Amino acid sequence: MRQYLWLAIFLIGCGGSTTAPTPTEPDLTAQHARLEPVQFQTPDGFLLFGTLFSSPNHPTPRPAVILLHPFNENHVQWADFVPELVAERGYLALAFDLRGHGSSIFRNGQPFTLQDFSLDDINQMPLDVVAAIAFLKTRAEADPNRIGVIGTDLGANIAFVSAGLFPDIKATVSVSPSFRENQTQEILIGTNIPGFAPRNILYLAAFGDGYAYTSSQTMSELTRGVTAVIGYQGTGRGLDLLAQGNAWTTVLDWLDKNL
């Protein structure tokens, strides 16, 4: 019972209810981004649904970026950010519904939604990134040596843990992560995993979101290679922060330099 109580506290802290929205595919064809609905399976049996975004105006193979959405959202939340990433900067982008979210609610053919999650299930979410990497390696247009990850909110922690576990990830951006309270229950912080060594991570957080900013500082201290923490005025969190000012451009410039 204690485990599920802490799960409820964690979900509330991520800023949403436990009712997953129904995703709809964005219309980006007019912005020179090609959309391909895709699906792939995790090592532990979740069927994940998403979209592969590409541009016909850029040569292949090209660097690929995995986009991880916030808690209780779905991959369509990235629609406003894809055109600059794909059409202007020339990246291949893979956005998908994390396990238990959107359409990705079946494990081994049986429904398995957020309401069914335990803390252990949350800590298995980096396996979604493993599956995404494996999928990208099957695509001729993706450069397997230049794979990056951007995560916000819940996705920020998944990105952090993934960067410390999977050598295929060359560069990572973690936007509005959580550490201190997560550390108490060892939720998506990686430090409880033998050999955990996060590297090459840019952290973004608002000064007004003090917990995310101090978490970013702590996580950056644990990060090897290239790392930085960039703070922004206000209280914006996750995708809202990325939509603020030049934050998204800063992310793309960092990827251009490090991926």
C-alpha atoms as a PDB file:
ATOM      1  CA  MET A   1       0.000   0.000   0.000  1.00  0.00           C
ATOM      2  CA  ARG A   2       2.856   2.392   0.861  1.00  0.00           C
ATOM      3  CA  GLN A   3       4.317   1.913  -2.630  1.00  0.00           C
ATOM      4  CA  TYR A   4       1.075   2.926  -4.331  1.00  0.00           C
ATOM      5  CA  LEU A   5       0.632   5.895  -1.991  1.00  0.00           C
ATOM      6  CA  TRP A   6       4.007   7.244  -3.045  1.00  0.00           C
ATOM      7  CA  LEU A   7       3.117   6.566  -6.666  1.00  0.00           C
ATOM      8  CA  ALA A   8       0.034   8.763  -6.263  1.00  0.00           C
ATOM      9  CA  ILE A   9       2.165  11.533  -4.738  1.00  0.00           C
ATOM     10  CA  PHE A  10       4.619  11.257  -7.634  1.00  0.00           C
ATOM     11  CA  LEU A  11       1.851  11.466 -10.242  1.00  0.00           C
ATOM     12  CA  ILE A  12       0.317  14.512  -8.566  1.00  0.00           C
ATOM     13  CA  GLY A  13       3.738  16.138  -8.485  1.00  0.00           C
ATOM     14  CA  CYS A  14       4.033  15.651 -12.236  1.00  0.00           C
ATOM     15  CA  GLY A  15       1.038  17.908 -12.652  1.00  0.00           C
ATOM     16  CA  GLY A  16      -1.867  15.905 -14.021  1.00  0.00           C
ATOM     17  CA  SER A  17      -4.719  13.501 -13.468  1.00  0.00           C
ATOM     18  CA  THR A  18      -4.515   9.826 -14.398  1.00  0.00           C
ATOM     19  CA  THR A  19      -6.877  10.048 -17.357  1.00  0.00           C
ATOM     20  CA  ALA A  20      -4.851   9.733 -20.554  1.00  0.00           C
ATOM     21  CA  PRO A  21      -5.897  12.003 -23.444  1.00  0.00           C
ATOM     22  CA  THR A  22      -6.668  10.620 -26.857  1.00  0.00           C
ATOM     23  CA  PRO A  23      -3.838  11.593 -29.228  1.00  0.00           C
ATOM     24  CA  THR A  24      -4.463  12.976 -32.687  1.00  0.00           C
ATOM     25  CA  GLU A  25      -1.818  13.257 -35.365  1.00  0.00           C
ATOM     26  CA  PRO A  26      -0.626  16.831 -36.039  1.00  0.00           C
ATOM     27  CA  ASP A  27      -0.848  18.276 -39.546  1.00  0.00           C
ATOM     28  CA  LEU A  28       2.669  19.434 -40.356  1.00  0.00           C
ATOM     29  CA  THR A  29       2.836  18.626 -44.063  1.00  0.00           C
ATOM     30  CA  ALA A  30       2.404  22.286 -44.944  1.00  0.00           C
ATOM     31  CA  GLN A  31       5.517  23.001 -42.869  1.00  0.00           C
ATOM     32  CA  HIS A  32       7.687  20.610 -44.912  1.00  0.00           C
ATOM     33  CA  ALA A  33       7.749  17.832 -42.329  1.00  0.00           C
ATOM     34  CA  ARG A  34       6.885  14.317 -43.429  1.00  0.00           C
ATOM     35  CA  LEU A  35       4.881  12.246 -40.930  1.00  0.00           C
ATOM     36  CA  GLU A  36       4.907   8.477 -40.669  1.00  0.00           C
ATOM     37  CA  PRO A  37       2.827   6.683 -38.016  1.00  0.00           C
ATOM     38  CA  VAL A  38       4.987   4.018 -36.387  1.00  0.00           C
ATOM     39  CA  GLN A  39       4.820   1.378 -33.697  1.00  0.00           C
ATOM     40  CA  PHE A  40       7.436  -0.703 -31.921  1.00  0.00           C
ATOM     41  CA  GLN A  41       7.637  -2.959 -28.892  1.00  0.00           C
ATOM     42  CA  THR A  42       9.611  -2.656 -25.671  1.00  0.00           C
ATOM     43  CA  PRO A  43      11.672  -5.541 -24.266  1.00  0.00           C
ATOM     44  CA  ASP A  44       9.006  -6.078 -21.596  1.00  0.00           C
ATOM     45  CA  GLY A  45       6.057  -6.213 -23.983  1.00  0.00           C
ATOM     46  CA  PHE A  46       4.566  -2.704 -24.275  1.00  0.00           C
ATOM     47  CA  LEU A  47       3.420  -1.761 -27.773  1.00  0.00           C
ATOM     48  CA  LEU A  48       4.338   1.886 -28.290  1.00  0.00           C
ATOM     49  CA  PHE A  49       2.707   4.146 -30.878  1.00  0.00           C
ATOM     50  CA  GLY A  50       4.165   7.335 -32.273  1.00  0.00           C
ATOM     51  CA  THR A  51       5.218   9.367 -35.278  1.00  0.00           C
ATOM     52  CA  LEU A  52       8.480   9.566 -37.189  1.00  0.00           C
ATOM     53  CA  PHE A  53       9.078  13.076 -38.521  1.00  0.00           C
ATOM     54  CA  SER A  54      11.454  13.714 -41.395  1.00  0.00           C
ATOM     55  CA  SER A  55      12.120  16.225 -44.138  1.00  0.00           C
ATOM     56  CA  PRO A  56      12.636  15.372 -47.810  1.00  0.00           C
ATOM     57  CA  ASN A  57      14.867  18.434 -48.135  1.00  0.00           C
ATOM     58  CA  HIS A  58      17.767  17.059 -46.078  1.00  0.00           C
ATOM     59  CA  PRO A  59      20.257  14.284 -46.943  1.00  0.00           C
ATOM     60  CA  THR A  60      20.337  10.951 -45.148  1.00  0.00           C
ATOM     61  CA  PRO A  61      21.473   9.454 -42.907  1.00  0.00           C
ATOM     62  CA  ARG A  62      20.869  12.273 -40.438  1.00  0.00           C
ATOM     63  CA  PRO A  63      21.060  12.654 -36.651  1.00  0.00           C
ATOM     64  CA  ALA A  64      17.930  11.447 -34.863  1.00  0.00           C
ATOM     65  CA  VAL A  65      16.243  12.867 -31.782  1.00  0.00           C
ATOM     66  CA  ILE A  66      13.863  10.957 -29.503  1.00  0.00           C
ATOM     67  CA  LEU A  67      11.186  13.196 -27.951  1.00  0.00           C
ATOM     68  CA  LEU A  68       9.749  12.250 -24.542  1.00  0.00           C
ATOM     69  CA  HIS A  69       6.540  13.993 -23.482  1.00  0.00           C
ATOM     70  CA  PRO A  70       5.357  15.087 -19.992  1.00  0.00           C
ATOM     71  CA  PHE A  71       3.283  13.034 -17.594  1.00  0.00           C
ATOM     72  CA  ASN A  72      -0.332  12.384 -18.636  1.00  0.00           C
ATOM     73  CA  GLU A  73       0.216  13.840 -22.104  1.00  0.00           C
ATOM     74  CA  ASN A  74       1.049  12.214 -25.440  1.00  0.00           C
ATOM     75  CA  HIS A  75       3.528  12.634 -28.244  1.00  0.00           C
ATOM     76  CA  VAL A  76       1.343  15.104 -30.155  1.00  0.00           C
ATOM     77  CA  GLN A  77       2.405  17.704 -27.571  1.00  0.00           C
ATOM     78  CA  TRP A  78       5.629  18.025 -29.581  1.00  0.00           C
ATOM     79  CA  ALA A  79       3.857  19.186 -32.760  1.00  0.00           C
ATOM     80  CA  ASP A  80       4.711  22.875 -32.334  1.00  0.00           C
ATOM     81  CA  PHE A  81       8.409  22.103 -31.913  1.00  0.00           C
ATOM     82  CA  VAL A  82       8.888  19.627 -34.747  1.00  0.00           C
ATOM     83  CA  PRO A  83       9.038  22.000 -37.767  1.00  0.00           C
ATOM     84  CA  GLU A  84      12.169  23.821 -36.619  1.00  0.00           C
ATOM     85  CA  LEU A  85      13.796  20.592 -35.438  1.00  0.00           C
ATOM     86  CA  VAL A  86      13.091  18.653 -38.636  1.00  0.00           C
ATOM     87  CA  ALA A  87      12.454  21.039 -41.517  1.00  0.00           C
ATOM     88  CA  GLU A  88      14.897  23.785 -40.534  1.00  0.00           C
ATOM     89  CA  ARG A  89      17.641  21.943 -38.631  1.00  0.00           C
ATOM     90  CA  GLY A  90      17.465  18.687 -40.593  1.00  0.00           C
ATOM     91  CA  TYR A  91      17.023  16.210 -37.756  1.00  0.00           C
ATOM     92  CA  LEU A  92      15.003  13.019 -37.868  1.00  0.00           C
ATOM     93  CA  ALA A  93      12.574  13.068 -34.928  1.00  0.00           C
ATOM     94  CA  LEU A  94      10.784  10.203 -33.220  1.00  0.00           C
ATOM     95  CA  ALA A  95       7.960  11.133 -30.851  1.00  0.00           C
ATOM     96  CA  PHE A  96       5.846   8.437 -29.244  1.00  0.00           C
ATOM     97  CA  ASP A  97       3.369   7.828 -26.447  1.00  0.00           C
ATOM     98  CA  LEU A  98       5.193   6.581 -23.372  1.00  0.00           C
ATOM     99  CA  ARG A  99       3.906   3.370 -21.800  1.00  0.00           C
ATOM    100  CA  GLY A 100       0.593   3.898 -20.057  1.00  0.00           C
ATOM    101  CA  HIS A 101      -0.034   7.100 -22.033  1.00  0.00           C
ATOM    102  CA  GLY A 102      -2.041   7.917 -25.146  1.00  0.00           C
ATOM    103  CA  SER A 103      -2.312   4.841 -27.350  1.00  0.00           C
ATOM    104  CA  SER A 104       0.552   2.941 -25.692  1.00  0.00           C
ATOM    105  CA  ILE A 105      -1.627   1.180 -23.142  1.00  0.00           C
ATOM    106  CA  PHE A 106      -1.202  -2.489 -24.040  1.00  0.00           C
ATOM    107  CA  ARG A 107       1.390  -4.836 -22.560  1.00  0.00           C
ATOM    108  CA  ASN A 108       1.579  -8.296 -24.047  1.00  0.00           C
ATOM    109  CA  GLY A 109      -1.835  -7.677 -25.586  1.00  0.00           C
ATOM    110  CA  GLN A 110      -3.509  -6.729 -22.297  1.00  0.00           C
ATOM    111  CA  PRO A 111      -4.569  -3.213 -21.182  1.00  0.00           C
ATOM    112  CA  PHE A 112      -2.012  -1.657 -18.830  1.00  0.00           C
ATOM    113  CA  THR A 113      -2.625   2.024 -18.058  1.00  0.00           C
ATOM    114  CA  LEU A 114      -1.234   4.500 -15.549  1.00  0.00           C
ATOM    115  CA  GLN A 115      -3.809   3.389 -13.011  1.00  0.00           C
ATOM    116  CA  ASP A 116      -2.090  -0.009 -13.015  1.00  0.00           C
ATOM    117  CA  PHE A 117       1.430   1.353 -12.487  1.00  0.00           C
ATOM    118  CA  SER A 118       3.579   0.749  -9.436  1.00  0.00           C
ATOM    119  CA  LEU A 119       6.865   2.518  -8.700  1.00  0.00           C
ATOM    120  CA  ASP A 120       8.676  -0.400 -10.306  1.00  0.00           C
ATOM    121  CA  ASP A 121       6.662   0.142 -13.498  1.00  0.00           C
ATOM    122  CA  ILE A 122       7.734   3.793 -13.589  1.00  0.00           C
ATOM    123  CA  ASN A 123      11.367   2.805 -13.166  1.00  0.00           C
ATOM    124  CA  GLN A 124      11.020   0.536 -16.211  1.00  0.00           C
ATOM    125  CA  MET A 125      10.112   3.487 -18.468  1.00  0.00           C
ATOM    126  CA  PRO A 126      13.671   3.883 -19.833  1.00  0.00           C
ATOM    127  CA  LEU A 127      12.985   0.610 -21.642  1.00  0.00           C
ATOM    128  CA  ASP A 128      10.767   2.730 -23.903  1.00  0.00           C
ATOM    129  CA  VAL A 129      13.921   4.577 -24.954  1.00  0.00           C
ATOM    130  CA  VAL A 130      15.708   1.271 -25.562  1.00  0.00           C
ATOM    131  CA  ALA A 131      12.887   0.305 -27.915  1.00  0.00           C
ATOM    132  CA  ALA A 132      13.010   3.696 -29.650  1.00  0.00           C
ATOM    133  CA  ILE A 133      16.756   3.379 -30.221  1.00  0.00           C
ATOM    134  CA  ALA A 134      16.326  -0.123 -31.631  1.00  0.00           C
ATOM    135  CA  PHE A 135      13.599   1.151 -33.949  1.00  0.00           C
ATOM    136  CA  LEU A 136      15.749   4.037 -35.209  1.00  0.00           C
ATOM    137  CA  LYS A 137      18.549   1.604 -36.006  1.00  0.00           C
ATOM    138  CA  THR A 138      16.224  -0.107 -38.475  1.00  0.00           C
ATOM    139  CA  ARG A 139      15.747   3.126 -40.407  1.00  0.00           C
ATOM    140  CA  ALA A 140      18.170   3.931 -43.205  1.00  0.00           C
ATOM    141  CA  GLU A 141      17.531   7.664 -42.801  1.00  0.00           C
ATOM    142  CA  ALA A 142      18.801   7.647 -39.190  1.00  0.00           C
ATOM    143  CA  ASP A 143      22.485   7.923 -38.277  1.00  0.00           C
ATOM    144  CA  PRO A 144      22.896   5.295 -35.509  1.00  0.00           C
ATOM    145  CA  ASN A 145      25.982   7.101 -34.207  1.00  0.00           C
ATOM    146  CA  ARG A 146      24.126  10.375 -33.642  1.00  0.00           C
ATOM    147  CA  ILE A 147      21.074   9.703 -31.474  1.00  0.00           C
ATOM    148  CA  GLY A 148      19.859  12.288 -28.981  1.00  0.00           C
ATOM    149  CA  VAL A 149      17.019  12.517 -26.474  1.00  0.00           C
ATOM    150  CA  ILE A 150      14.913  15.458 -25.306  1.00  0.00           C
ATOM    151  CA  GLY A 151      12.577  14.935 -22.363  1.00  0.00           C
ATOM    152  CA  THR A 152      10.298  17.232 -20.385  1.00  0.00           C
ATOM    153  CA  ASP A 153       8.826  16.769 -16.904  1.00  0.00           C
ATOM    154  CA  LEU A 154       8.444  12.989 -16.506  1.00  0.00           C
ATOM    155  CA  GLY A 155      10.293  12.631 -19.791  1.00  0.00           C
ATOM    156  CA  ALA A 156      13.144  14.731 -18.358  1.00  0.00           C
ATOM    157  CA  ASN A 157      13.863  12.069 -15.758  1.00  0.00           C
ATOM    158  CA  ILE A 158      13.516   9.256 -18.271  1.00  0.00           C
ATOM    159  CA  ALA A 159      16.001  11.096 -20.496  1.00  0.00           C
ATOM    160  CA  PHE A 160      18.439  11.533 -17.579  1.00  0.00           C
ATOM    161  CA  VAL A 161      18.345   7.862 -16.626  1.00  0.00           C
ATOM    162  CA  SER A 162      18.605   6.772 -20.255  1.00  0.00           C
ATOM    163  CA  ALA A 163      21.676   8.964 -20.748  1.00  0.00           C
ATOM    164  CA  GLY A 164      23.344   7.122 -17.896  1.00  0.00           C
ATOM    165  CA  LEU A 165      22.489   3.635 -19.113  1.00  0.00           C
ATOM    166  CA  PHE A 166      22.508   3.493 -22.903  1.00  0.00           C
ATOM    167  CA  PRO A 167      25.779   4.267 -24.739  1.00  0.00           C
ATOM    168  CA  ASP A 168      23.924   4.801 -28.040  1.00  0.00           C
ATOM    169  CA  ILE A 169      22.672   8.161 -26.713  1.00  0.00           C
ATOM    170  CA  LYS A 170      25.205  10.820 -27.612  1.00  0.00           C
ATOM    171  CA  ALA A 171      23.473  13.951 -26.273  1.00  0.00           C
ATOM    172  CA  THR A 172      20.480  14.609 -24.025  1.00  0.00           C
ATOM    173  CA  VAL A 173      18.323  17.554 -22.959  1.00  0.00           C
ATOM    174  CA  SER A 174      16.420  17.340 -19.661  1.00  0.00           C
ATOM    175  CA  VAL A 175      13.762  20.029 -19.183  1.00  0.00           C
ATOM    176  CA  SER A 176      12.257  20.529 -15.696  1.00  0.00           C
ATOM    177  CA  PRO A 177      13.474  17.299 -14.070  1.00  0.00           C
ATOM    178  CA  SER A 178      12.877  16.157 -10.481  1.00  0.00           C
ATOM    179  CA  PHE A 179      15.465  14.733  -8.122  1.00  0.00           C
ATOM    180  CA  ARG A 180      15.250  15.272  -4.355  1.00  0.00           C
ATOM    181  CA  GLU A 181      11.801  13.835  -3.660  1.00  0.00           C
ATOM    182  CA  ASN A 182      12.351  11.194  -6.315  1.00  0.00           C
ATOM    183  CA  GLN A 183      15.613  10.260  -4.578  1.00  0.00           C
ATOM    184  CA  THR A 184      13.713   9.330  -1.417  1.00  0.00           C
ATOM    185  CA  GLN A 185      11.827   6.611  -3.279  1.00  0.00           C
ATOM    186  CA  GLU A 186      14.480   6.035  -5.961  1.00  0.00           C
ATOM    187  CA  ILE A 187      12.081   7.007  -8.759  1.00  0.00           C
ATOM    188  CA  LEU A 188      13.754   7.567 -12.132  1.00  0.00           C
ATOM    189  CA  ILE A 189      17.024   8.932 -10.772  1.00  0.00           C
ATOM    190  CA  GLY A 190      19.360   6.115 -11.822  1.00  0.00           C
ATOM    191  CA  THR A 191      21.724   6.487  -8.881  1.00  0.00           C
ATOM    192  CA  ASN A 192      20.407   3.206  -7.476  1.00  0.00           C
ATOM    193  CA  ILE A 193      21.557   1.361 -10.627  1.00  0.00           C
ATOM    194  CA  PRO A 194      25.076  -0.148 -10.697  1.00  0.00           C
ATOM    195  CA  GLY A 195      27.294   1.478 -13.301  1.00  0.00           C
ATOM    196  CA  PHE A 196      24.978   4.459 -13.793  1.00  0.00           C
ATOM    197  CA  ALA A 197      26.964   7.252 -15.473  1.00  0.00           C
ATOM    198  CA  PRO A 198      24.946  10.036 -17.150  1.00  0.00           C
ATOM    199  CA  ARG A 199      26.853  12.077 -19.696  1.00  0.00           C
ATOM    200  CA  ASN A 200      26.462  14.992 -22.092  1.00  0.00           C
ATOM    201  CA  ILE A 201      23.246  16.526 -20.735  1.00  0.00           C
ATOM    202  CA  LEU A 202      21.848  20.050 -20.977  1.00  0.00           C
ATOM    203  CA  TYR A 203      19.384  20.960 -18.216  1.00  0.00           C
ATOM    204  CA  LEU A 204      16.718  23.667 -18.501  1.00  0.00           C
ATOM    205  CA  ALA A 205      14.486  24.910 -15.693  1.00  0.00           C
ATOM    206  CA  ALA A 206      12.709  28.072 -14.571  1.00  0.00           C
ATOM    207  CA  PHE A 207      14.026  29.940 -11.536  1.00  0.00           C
ATOM    208  CA  GLY A 208      10.432  30.184 -10.336  1.00  0.00           C
ATOM    209  CA  ASP A 209      10.155  26.407 -10.499  1.00  0.00           C
ATOM    210  CA  GLY A 210      12.716  26.141  -7.740  1.00  0.00           C
ATOM    211  CA  TYR A 211      12.520  22.404  -7.282  1.00  0.00           C
ATOM    212  CA  ALA A 212      13.200  21.742 -10.973  1.00  0.00           C
ATOM    213  CA  TYR A 213      16.065  24.239 -10.990  1.00  0.00           C
ATOM    214  CA  THR A 214      17.804  22.825  -7.913  1.00  0.00           C
ATOM    215  CA  SER A 215      17.180  19.319  -9.252  1.00  0.00           C
ATOM    216  CA  SER A 216      18.885  20.338 -12.492  1.00  0.00           C
ATOM    217  CA  GLN A 217      21.900  21.605 -10.547  1.00  0.00           C
ATOM    218  CA  THR A 218      22.187  18.356  -8.587  1.00  0.00           C
ATOM    219  CA  MET A 219      21.774  16.207 -11.677  1.00  0.00           C
ATOM    220  CA  SER A 220      24.321  18.256 -13.599  1.00  0.00           C
ATOM    221  CA  GLU A 221      26.847  17.626 -10.818  1.00  0.00           C
ATOM    222  CA  LEU A 222      26.311  13.905 -11.411  1.00  0.00           C
ATOM    223  CA  THR A 223      26.785  14.272 -15.172  1.00  0.00           C
ATOM    224  CA  ARG A 224      30.020  13.546 -16.989  1.00  0.00           C
ATOM    225  CA  GLY A 225      31.203  15.049 -20.249  1.00  0.00           C
ATOM    226  CA  VAL A 226      29.478  18.180 -21.517  1.00  0.00           C
ATOM    227  CA  THR A 227      26.848  19.537 -19.143  1.00  0.00           C
ATOM    228  CA  ALA A 228      25.212  22.849 -18.273  1.00  0.00           C
ATOM    229  CA  VAL A 229      22.210  24.232 -16.419  1.00  0.00           C
ATOM    230  CA  ILE A 230      20.297  27.119 -17.974  1.00  0.00           C
ATOM    231  CA  GLY A 231      17.749  28.968 -15.873  1.00  0.00           C
ATOM    232  CA  TYR A 232      14.846  31.079 -17.120  1.00  0.00           C
ATOM    233  CA  GLN A 233      12.717  33.712 -15.485  1.00  0.00           C
ATOM    234  CA  GLY A 234       9.160  32.807 -14.518  1.00  0.00           C
ATOM    235  CA  THR A 235       7.557  29.535 -13.515  1.00  0.00           C
ATOM    236  CA  GLY A 236       7.264  27.776 -16.875  1.00  0.00           C
ATOM    237  CA  ARG A 237       7.683  24.014 -16.751  1.00  0.00           C
ATOM    238  CA  GLY A 238       8.406  21.400 -19.395  1.00  0.00           C
ATOM    239  CA  LEU A 239       6.963  22.208 -22.800  1.00  0.00           C
ATOM    240  CA  ASP A 240       5.667  25.547 -21.535  1.00  0.00           C
ATOM    241  CA  LEU A 241       9.249  26.476 -20.690  1.00  0.00           C
ATOM    242  CA  LEU A 242      10.471  25.366 -24.121  1.00  0.00           C
ATOM    243  CA  ALA A 243       7.883  27.651 -25.727  1.00  0.00           C
ATOM    244  CA  GLN A 244       9.234  30.589 -23.716  1.00  0.00           C
ATOM    245  CA  GLY A 245      11.581  33.082 -25.368  1.00  0.00           C
ATOM    246  CA  ASN A 246      14.589  31.473 -27.010  1.00  0.00           C
ATOM    247  CA  ALA A 247      14.581  28.254 -24.964  1.00  0.00           C
ATOM    248  CA  TRP A 248      13.845  25.934 -27.903  1.00  0.00           C
ATOM    249  CA  THR A 249      16.454  27.637 -30.062  1.00  0.00           C
ATOM    250  CA  THR A 250      18.963  27.172 -27.241  1.00  0.00           C
ATOM    251  CA  VAL A 251      18.169  23.452 -27.192  1.00  0.00           C
ATOM    252  CA  LEU A 252      18.592  23.135 -30.950  1.00  0.00           C
ATOM    253  CA  ASP A 253      21.869  25.078 -30.939  1.00  0.00           C
ATOM    254  CA  TRP A 254      23.171  22.770 -28.189  1.00  0.00           C
ATOM    255  CA  LEU A 255      22.187  19.698 -30.209  1.00  0.00           C
ATOM    256  CA  ASP A 256      23.879  21.112 -33.310  1.00  0.00           C
ATOM    257  CA  LYS A 257      27.095  21.415 -31.311  1.00  0.00           C
ATOM    258  CA  ASN A 258      27.003  18.160 -29.370  1.00  0.00           C
ATOM    259  CA  LEU A 259      25.088  15.593 -31.409  1.00  0.00           C
END
